[in-house]
Amino acid sequence: MNLGTFFIDAVIVHDVPRRRAGTTADQVVLSEVVSDIDQELKNFFRERMIRSLGRQAYEVERDPNETSPVPDRVAAIVSDGNALVAESQEIAKHLWTCQTGVNPAGLLIVCTGTVDNAAAVGILKLEREDAIRVEQTDQNGAKTFSIAHLRDLMLGKNTRVFKASLFAVPGGAADTIDGLVSDDQRGYDPHSEVAQFFLCRFLGCKLKTANDVATKAFFEVSQEFINTRVDDDATKARYEVALLAQMNAPTATVTPKAFADDHLDVDHRKPYRDFLAERGAPFAAFDKDPRLVSNRISQMTLATHSGIRISGTSDAIHERVSVNPNGAKEPVIEVRDQLKRVQGGRG
């Protein structure tokens, strides 16, 4: 899903209060018509969604084991844009139903538009402090919310867009739903309560690829790219050090786009992105689970054409080994260290 092709057509907003004992779904404040929105405000909401999804989005699909009505509602909106009001109201009621008292009050924003030249639906949850009040306005006798006021809320320090999602339905039915989901509070560790609430109970979705499989694919395909598509030896070594550092870093989430932007030269970034896509490796974010490659990320090995191998941790290689492909007579690999032991064989 190319976020650069995402554009917004219509927006509707519903106010979902904190769920407390004795309250009912009737306390959800529903809009009766879409909000009056000009191009400037469309661009504002588009930019905020792209910012959230572009920073850390997960590829998701419908989870048949979840009972959430959201995939069916999304498919209905994609099929008929005029269904936005009624279907989004049902989505707002479902959000209230699956929340608990720990979930803050918030505004549910549902928008229609296009992505990759196909109909799309965006769903955002804008969380706010309980003391922040949002007043409805009257539009030709129907209740709605002022989008201009919402923009001010989104720019305020007491309100944040914590959760965003964007869906297409390429097959027309809810079972074919294809989406991106981001959550600024937490990555989608499948054991996380946040993931269970927003991704599973509310949206009725699951990650497309298990985290351990995604981690293995990212690592292996990235190594293949380094070894087959990068010509300069010093650049290969630098990229491999960065890759192993990423795999061993304490951070829970891997965002391949950020890895490329931070560590690859500009002329390698698009080829790297295309290579991941060709090999079926993730380019969206995923929660790192290195169990399937744990024995391969603790050490780094430099293998020469003549059969010489230099092994060590990525930190030691980075600090002690220099690769100069433009030596005076031939490429030079230099190890700056003291010799500890000499022996035959591989030991």
Foldseek 3Di string as FASTA:
>chain_A
DDLVQWFFDWKAKKWAAQDDPPDALVPIGAFQDTADDDPVLRVVVSVQQCVQLVVFKFKKAFDPVEPACQLQLFLVCQVPVVCCRVSVSVLSSLLNVLHHNVAHIWMWMKTWTDDPNGIKIKIWTKGFHPPDDFDWDADPNTTGGHSVVVSVQCPDPGIHTFKMKMWDQVVSGSRRIIMIIGGNVDAPPVVDPVNCRPVPHSNNMDGPDDQQVLQVLVLVLQLVCLVPVDDDPQLSLQLLLLSLCVLPPPDFKDAQLVSCVVRPDPVCNVVSVVSCVVSVHDNHMGGHDNPVCVVPSQKDWDADPVGDIDMDGSVQCVVFWGWAQDDPVGTDIGGHDDDDDDDDDDD
